[in-house]
Amino acid sequence: MSQAPSLDDLLADLESTIAKLADGKAPLDELVAAHQRALRFLTEAQARLAQLRARADETAQLLSE
C-alpha cells in the first residue's frame, strides 16, 4: 500500500495545478481536468490540515495538564 502524500506535497501539487489553470493556454478539456484535480488536492489538504490541528490541540492539552 502506498503512503499518502504529505501536506507539503499536496500543496505543491495544488500550486502547480493552479498555475496551469491561471495560464489558461491548455485546451478546455485539460483545464477542466486540472480544475477537478485542484479541487481534490484542496479537499485532501484541508482534511490533512484539520488532522494536524487536532493532533496539535491534543498535544497542547497534554502538555498543559
N, C-alpha and C. Protein backbone atom coordinates (compact mmCIF):
# COMPACT_ATOMS: atom_id res chain seq x y z
N MET A 1 0.85 -1.18 0.00
CA MET A 1 0.00 0.00 0.00
C MET A 1 0.89 1.24 0.00
N SER A 2 0.60 2.20 -0.89
CA SER A 2 1.44 3.39 -0.98
C SER A 2 1.05 4.39 0.10
N GLN A 3 2.03 5.17 0.49
CA GLN A 3 1.82 6.15 1.54
C GLN A 3 1.15 7.39 0.96
N ALA A 4 0.23 7.99 1.70
CA ALA A 4 -0.45 9.20 1.25
C ALA A 4 0.57 10.34 1.14
N PRO A 5 0.36 11.24 0.19
CA PRO A 5 1.30 12.35 0.04
C PRO A 5 1.27 13.26 1.27
N SER A 6 2.38 13.89 1.54
CA SER A 6 2.45 14.80 2.68
C SER A 6 1.66 16.07 2.37
N LEU A 7 1.38 16.85 3.40
CA LEU A 7 0.68 18.12 3.22
C LEU A 7 1.49 19.02 2.29
N ASP A 8 2.80 19.03 2.46
CA ASP A 8 3.65 19.86 1.58
C ASP A 8 3.54 19.41 0.12
N ASP A 9 3.50 18.10 -0.10
CA ASP A 9 3.34 17.59 -1.47
C ASP A 9 1.99 17.98 -2.05
N LEU A 10 0.95 17.86 -1.24
CA LEU A 10 -0.38 18.24 -1.71
C LEU A 10 -0.44 19.73 -2.08
N LEU A 11 0.16 20.55 -1.24
CA LEU A 11 0.15 21.99 -1.51
C LEU A 11 0.97 22.33 -2.76
N ALA A 12 2.08 21.62 -2.97
CA ALA A 12 2.88 21.84 -4.17
C ALA A 12 2.10 21.43 -5.42
N ASP A 13 1.41 20.29 -5.34
CA ASP A 13 0.58 19.85 -6.46
C ASP A 13 -0.54 20.84 -6.73
N LEU A 14 -1.16 21.33 -5.67
CA LEU A 14 -2.23 22.31 -5.82
C LEU A 14 -1.70 23.58 -6.47
N GLU A 15 -0.55 24.04 -6.02
CA GLU A 15 0.05 25.25 -6.58
C GLU A 15 0.36 25.10 -8.07
N SER A 16 0.94 23.97 -8.46
CA SER A 16 1.28 23.78 -9.87
C SER A 16 0.02 23.64 -10.72
N THR A 17 -1.01 23.02 -10.17
CA THR A 17 -2.27 22.88 -10.91
C THR A 17 -2.94 24.24 -11.08
N ILE A 18 -2.91 25.05 -10.05
CA ILE A 18 -3.50 26.39 -10.14
C ILE A 18 -2.73 27.24 -11.15
N ALA A 19 -1.41 27.07 -11.20
CA ALA A 19 -0.61 27.81 -12.19
C ALA A 19 -1.03 27.42 -13.60
N LYS A 20 -1.30 26.14 -13.82
CA LYS A 20 -1.75 25.69 -15.15
C LYS A 20 -3.10 26.32 -15.48
N LEU A 21 -3.98 26.37 -14.50
CA LEU A 21 -5.29 27.00 -14.71
C LEU A 21 -5.14 28.49 -15.00
N ALA A 22 -4.28 29.15 -14.26
CA ALA A 22 -4.08 30.58 -14.43
C ALA A 22 -3.50 30.91 -15.80
N ASP A 23 -2.66 30.02 -16.31
CA ASP A 23 -2.06 30.22 -17.63
C ASP A 23 -3.16 30.22 -18.69
N GLY A 24 -4.09 29.30 -18.58
CA GLY A 24 -5.24 29.27 -19.47
C GLY A 24 -4.96 28.91 -20.92
N LYS A 25 -3.76 28.45 -21.21
CA LYS A 25 -3.39 28.17 -22.60
C LYS A 25 -3.65 26.73 -23.02
N ALA A 26 -3.97 25.87 -22.07
CA ALA A 26 -4.24 24.46 -22.38
C ALA A 26 -5.64 24.34 -23.00
N PRO A 27 -5.89 23.27 -23.70
CA PRO A 27 -7.24 23.03 -24.23
C PRO A 27 -8.25 22.95 -23.09
N LEU A 28 -9.48 23.24 -23.40
CA LEU A 28 -10.53 23.29 -22.38
C LEU A 28 -10.65 21.99 -21.59
N ASP A 29 -10.57 20.85 -22.25
CA ASP A 29 -10.71 19.59 -21.52
C ASP A 29 -9.58 19.40 -20.50
N GLU A 30 -8.37 19.87 -20.83
CA GLU A 30 -7.26 19.79 -19.88
C GLU A 30 -7.47 20.76 -18.72
N LEU A 31 -8.04 21.92 -19.01
CA LEU A 31 -8.31 22.90 -17.94
C LEU A 31 -9.39 22.38 -16.99
N VAL A 32 -10.40 21.73 -17.54
CA VAL A 32 -11.45 21.15 -16.69
C VAL A 32 -10.86 20.05 -15.81
N ALA A 33 -10.02 19.20 -16.39
CA ALA A 33 -9.37 18.13 -15.61
C ALA A 33 -8.47 18.73 -14.54
N ALA A 34 -7.75 19.79 -14.87
CA ALA A 34 -6.88 20.46 -13.89
C ALA A 34 -7.71 21.04 -12.76
N HIS A 35 -8.86 21.61 -13.09
CA HIS A 35 -9.74 22.17 -12.06
C HIS A 35 -10.22 21.07 -11.12
N GLN A 36 -10.59 19.92 -11.68
CA GLN A 36 -11.03 18.79 -10.85
C GLN A 36 -9.90 18.29 -9.95
N ARG A 37 -8.68 18.24 -10.49
CA ARG A 37 -7.52 17.83 -9.67
C ARG A 37 -7.30 18.83 -8.55
N ALA A 38 -7.40 20.12 -8.88
CA ALA A 38 -7.19 21.16 -7.87
C ALA A 38 -8.20 21.01 -6.73
N LEU A 39 -9.44 20.72 -7.07
CA LEU A 39 -10.45 20.54 -6.03
C LEU A 39 -10.14 19.34 -5.15
N ARG A 40 -9.66 18.24 -5.76
CA ARG A 40 -9.29 17.06 -4.97
C ARG A 40 -8.10 17.38 -4.06
N PHE A 41 -7.08 18.06 -4.61
CA PHE A 41 -5.91 18.42 -3.81
C PHE A 41 -6.32 19.33 -2.65
N LEU A 42 -7.18 20.30 -2.92
CA LEU A 42 -7.61 21.23 -1.89
C LEU A 42 -8.38 20.51 -0.79
N THR A 43 -9.29 19.63 -1.17
CA THR A 43 -10.07 18.88 -0.19
C THR A 43 -9.16 18.02 0.69
N GLU A 44 -8.22 17.33 0.06
CA GLU A 44 -7.30 16.47 0.81
C GLU A 44 -6.39 17.31 1.72
N ALA A 45 -5.91 18.45 1.22
CA ALA A 45 -5.04 19.32 2.03
C ALA A 45 -5.81 19.86 3.23
N GLN A 46 -7.07 20.25 3.03
CA GLN A 46 -7.87 20.75 4.15
C GLN A 46 -8.10 19.66 5.20
N ALA A 47 -8.37 18.45 4.74
CA ALA A 47 -8.56 17.34 5.68
C ALA A 47 -7.28 17.05 6.46
N ARG A 48 -6.16 17.03 5.74
CA ARG A 48 -4.87 16.77 6.40
C ARG A 48 -4.56 17.87 7.41
N LEU A 49 -4.83 19.13 7.06
CA LEU A 49 -4.59 20.24 7.97
C LEU A 49 -5.46 20.11 9.22
N ALA A 50 -6.71 19.71 9.05
CA ALA A 50 -7.60 19.52 10.20
C ALA A 50 -7.06 18.43 11.12
N GLN A 51 -6.53 17.34 10.55
CA GLN A 51 -5.93 16.28 11.35
C GLN A 51 -4.73 16.80 12.13
N LEU A 52 -3.89 17.57 11.46
CA LEU A 52 -2.70 18.10 12.12
C LEU A 52 -3.08 19.08 13.24
N ARG A 53 -4.10 19.89 13.01
CA ARG A 53 -4.56 20.82 14.06
C ARG A 53 -5.08 20.04 15.26
N ALA A 54 -5.83 18.98 15.00
CA ALA A 54 -6.37 18.17 16.10
C ALA A 54 -5.24 17.55 16.91
N ARG A 55 -4.22 17.04 16.22
CA ARG A 55 -3.06 16.47 16.93
C ARG A 55 -2.34 17.53 17.74
N ALA A 56 -2.20 18.72 17.18
CA ALA A 56 -1.54 19.81 17.89
C ALA A 56 -2.33 20.21 19.12
N ASP A 57 -3.66 20.27 18.98
CA ASP A 57 -4.52 20.60 20.13
C ASP A 57 -4.41 19.54 21.22
N GLU A 58 -4.40 18.27 20.82
CA GLU A 58 -4.24 17.18 21.80
C GLU A 58 -2.91 17.31 22.54
N THR A 59 -1.86 17.57 21.80
CA THR A 59 -0.53 17.70 22.39
C THR A 59 -0.50 18.88 23.35
N ALA A 60 -1.06 20.00 22.95
CA ALA A 60 -1.09 21.18 23.80
C ALA A 60 -1.86 20.92 25.09
N GLN A 61 -2.97 20.19 24.96
CA GLN A 61 -3.77 19.87 26.14
C GLN A 61 -2.99 18.94 27.08
N LEU A 62 -2.29 17.97 26.53
CA LEU A 62 -1.50 17.06 27.36
C LEU A 62 -0.38 17.80 28.07
N LEU A 63 0.22 18.75 27.39
CA LEU A 63 1.32 19.50 27.98
C LEU A 63 0.84 20.46 29.06
N SER A 64 -0.40 20.88 28.97
CA SER A 64 -0.91 21.84 29.96
C SER A 64 -1.48 21.16 31.21
N GLU A 65 -1.56 19.83 31.19
CA GLU A 65 -2.08 19.12 32.37
C GLU A 65 -1.07 19.01 33.46
